[in-house]
Protein backbone atom coordinates (compact mmCIF):
# COMPACT_ATOMS: atom_id res chain seq x y z
CA UNK A 1 297.47 80.99 -12.82
CA UNK A 2 297.50 83.06 -15.88
CA UNK A 3 298.99 80.30 -17.92
CA UNK A 4 296.63 78.00 -19.90
CA UNK A 5 295.36 75.41 -17.68
CA UNK A 6 294.91 71.76 -19.25
CA UNK A 7 291.26 71.35 -20.62
CA UNK A 8 288.83 68.71 -20.35
CA UNK A 9 287.64 66.39 -23.13
CA UNK A 10 284.37 67.44 -24.12
CA UNK A 11 281.93 64.48 -24.42
CA UNK A 12 278.14 64.05 -25.00
CA UNK A 13 277.51 63.65 -21.08
CA UNK A 14 279.96 66.70 -19.82
CA UNK A 15 279.80 69.16 -22.83
CA UNK A 16 276.71 71.35 -21.10
CA UNK A 17 278.91 71.50 -17.84
CA UNK A 18 281.97 72.73 -19.32
CA UNK A 19 280.31 75.26 -21.90
CA UNK A 20 277.57 76.51 -19.81
CA UNK A 21 279.60 79.34 -18.35
CA UNK A 22 279.29 81.19 -21.69
CA UNK A 23 275.97 82.76 -20.43
CA UNK A 24 277.64 83.07 -16.77
CA UNK A 25 275.35 80.47 -15.42
CA UNK A 26 276.64 77.33 -13.54
CA UNK A 27 274.74 74.30 -14.05
CA UNK A 28 274.68 70.67 -13.04
CA UNK A 29 272.66 67.69 -13.82
CA UNK A 30 269.55 67.18 -11.96
CA UNK A 31 267.30 64.00 -12.07
CA UNK A 32 263.70 65.22 -13.12
CA UNK A 33 262.38 62.21 -11.05
CA UNK A 34 263.86 62.29 -7.84
CA UNK A 35 265.45 66.04 -7.84
CA UNK A 36 268.90 64.75 -7.19
CA UNK A 37 271.86 66.68 -8.38
CA UNK A 38 274.36 64.58 -10.22
CA UNK A 39 278.06 65.56 -10.48
CA UNK A 40 280.19 64.38 -12.27
CA UNK A 41 277.83 64.34 -15.14
CA UNK A 42 276.45 60.93 -16.17
CA UNK A 43 273.54 59.81 -18.19
CA UNK A 44 271.76 57.97 -15.62
CA UNK A 45 270.61 59.09 -12.05
CA UNK A 46 272.65 57.38 -9.04
CA UNK A 47 269.93 57.65 -6.72
CA UNK A 48 266.88 56.32 -8.84
CA UNK A 49 268.36 55.05 -11.81
CA UNK A 50 266.16 57.40 -14.15
CA UNK A 51 267.62 58.51 -17.36
CA UNK A 52 265.38 61.63 -17.04
CA UNK A 53 268.26 63.80 -16.27
CA UNK A 54 269.10 67.56 -17.51
CA UNK A 55 271.10 70.62 -16.82
CA UNK A 56 269.69 72.77 -14.14
CA UNK A 57 270.85 76.15 -12.97
CA UNK A 58 272.30 76.84 -9.49
CA UNK A 59 272.93 80.23 -7.83
CA UNK A 60 276.91 79.60 -8.61
CA UNK A 61 277.84 80.22 -5.05
CA UNK A 62 279.24 77.80 -2.22
CA UNK A 63 281.25 77.52 0.35
CA UNK A 64 284.98 76.25 0.81
CA UNK A 65 284.75 72.73 2.36
CA UNK A 66 288.59 72.18 2.21
CA UNK A 67 291.61 73.38 0.49
CA UNK A 68 295.21 73.19 -0.15
CA UNK A 69 297.84 75.31 -1.41
CA UNK A 70 299.88 74.04 -4.31
CA UNK A 71 303.36 74.89 -4.55
CA UNK A 72 304.52 72.31 -7.29
CA UNK A 73 304.97 73.99 -10.70
CA UNK A 74 303.43 71.17 -12.80
CA UNK A 75 304.45 72.87 -16.12
CA UNK A 76 307.05 75.60 -17.15
CA UNK A 77 304.51 78.36 -17.39
CA UNK A 78 302.43 77.64 -14.11
CA UNK A 79 302.30 80.20 -11.64
CA UNK A 80 302.59 78.91 -7.88
CA UNK A 81 301.27 79.00 -5.28
CA UNK A 82 297.75 78.49 -5.83
CA UNK A 83 294.54 77.34 -4.08
CA UNK A 84 292.98 74.10 -4.73
CA UNK A 85 289.78 73.81 -3.10
CA UNK A 86 286.38 71.73 -2.74
CA UNK A 87 283.55 74.05 -2.84
CA UNK A 88 280.09 72.87 -1.48
CA UNK A 89 277.68 74.30 -4.23
CA UNK A 90 274.70 75.96 -2.81
CA UNK A 91 271.47 75.19 -4.43
CA UNK A 92 272.81 71.65 -5.36
CA UNK A 93 272.55 69.29 -2.45
CA UNK A 94 275.43 67.07 -2.06
CA UNK A 95 277.54 68.50 -5.17
CA UNK A 96 281.06 69.55 -3.96
CA UNK A 97 283.37 70.85 -7.08
CA UNK A 98 287.25 70.45 -7.13
CA UNK A 99 288.14 73.95 -8.43
CA UNK A 100 290.56 76.75 -7.90
CA UNK A 101 289.83 79.89 -5.36
CA UNK A 102 291.34 82.93 -7.37
CA UNK A 103 291.91 86.65 -7.04
CA UNK A 104 293.03 86.25 -3.26
CA UNK A 105 296.34 85.64 -1.65
CA UNK A 106 296.80 81.91 -0.85
CA UNK A 107 296.80 82.84 2.87
CA UNK A 108 293.55 84.54 2.74
CA UNK A 109 291.42 81.59 2.44
CA UNK A 110 289.78 79.97 5.15
CA UNK A 111 287.19 76.62 5.73
CA UNK A 112 283.91 78.05 5.47
CA UNK A 113 284.43 80.97 3.25
CA UNK A 114 281.74 82.03 1.05
CA UNK A 115 282.55 81.88 -2.66
CA UNK A 116 281.23 82.87 -6.18
CA UNK A 117 281.77 81.48 -9.41
CA UNK A 118 283.98 83.12 -11.99
CA UNK A 119 284.34 81.44 -15.44
CA UNK A 120 287.65 81.52 -17.23
CA UNK A 121 287.31 80.92 -21.03
CA UNK A 122 289.78 78.79 -23.11
CA UNK A 123 288.69 77.62 -26.44
CA UNK A 124 285.10 76.54 -25.98
CA UNK A 125 285.52 75.61 -22.54
CA UNK A 126 284.26 78.10 -19.59
CA UNK A 127 286.34 76.46 -16.33
CA UNK A 128 284.12 77.31 -13.28
CA UNK A 129 286.56 78.92 -10.73
CA UNK A 130 285.74 80.74 -7.70
CA UNK A 131 286.25 84.20 -5.89
CA UNK A 132 285.95 84.87 -2.14
CA UNK A 133 282.62 87.07 -1.34
CA UNK A 134 283.89 89.98 0.52
C-alpha cells in the first residue's frame, strides 16, 4: 500500500511506540516490577498494577499468528489486496501486534511465517510493518 495510511493520534501514553522506529528499534512497555509486557500502551501494568512501566526494546522479529487478505478499497488511493496480520512478537511474551505484512505476494504468507519489522515513516510516526524472513 503506497498510499498514506491513517495515522494514530499521538498521546503521552503511546507516543514512544509510534515514534520509536526512528532508530529502527521496536519497543513495547514493560513493567519493571513483574517484567510483563504491556500492549496497547497504558500507564499501569495490568498484571501487578504497578505504575513502574517503561519502554523496552525487543528484537523486532515475530511469527504470523493469523492473517487475512483485504480486498476492500477503503480509500481512493489504497492499493488492494493487502495482508492484515497478527504477529506474535519475539521477546515480548503475550504481545500480539495487528499490522501489515509487506513486500510479498498476498498468496505467499502462511501461518507460522517468521517476520521482521520494517518501519514506514509518515510525518512523525513510524508505523511498524513486517516483512517475511526468507
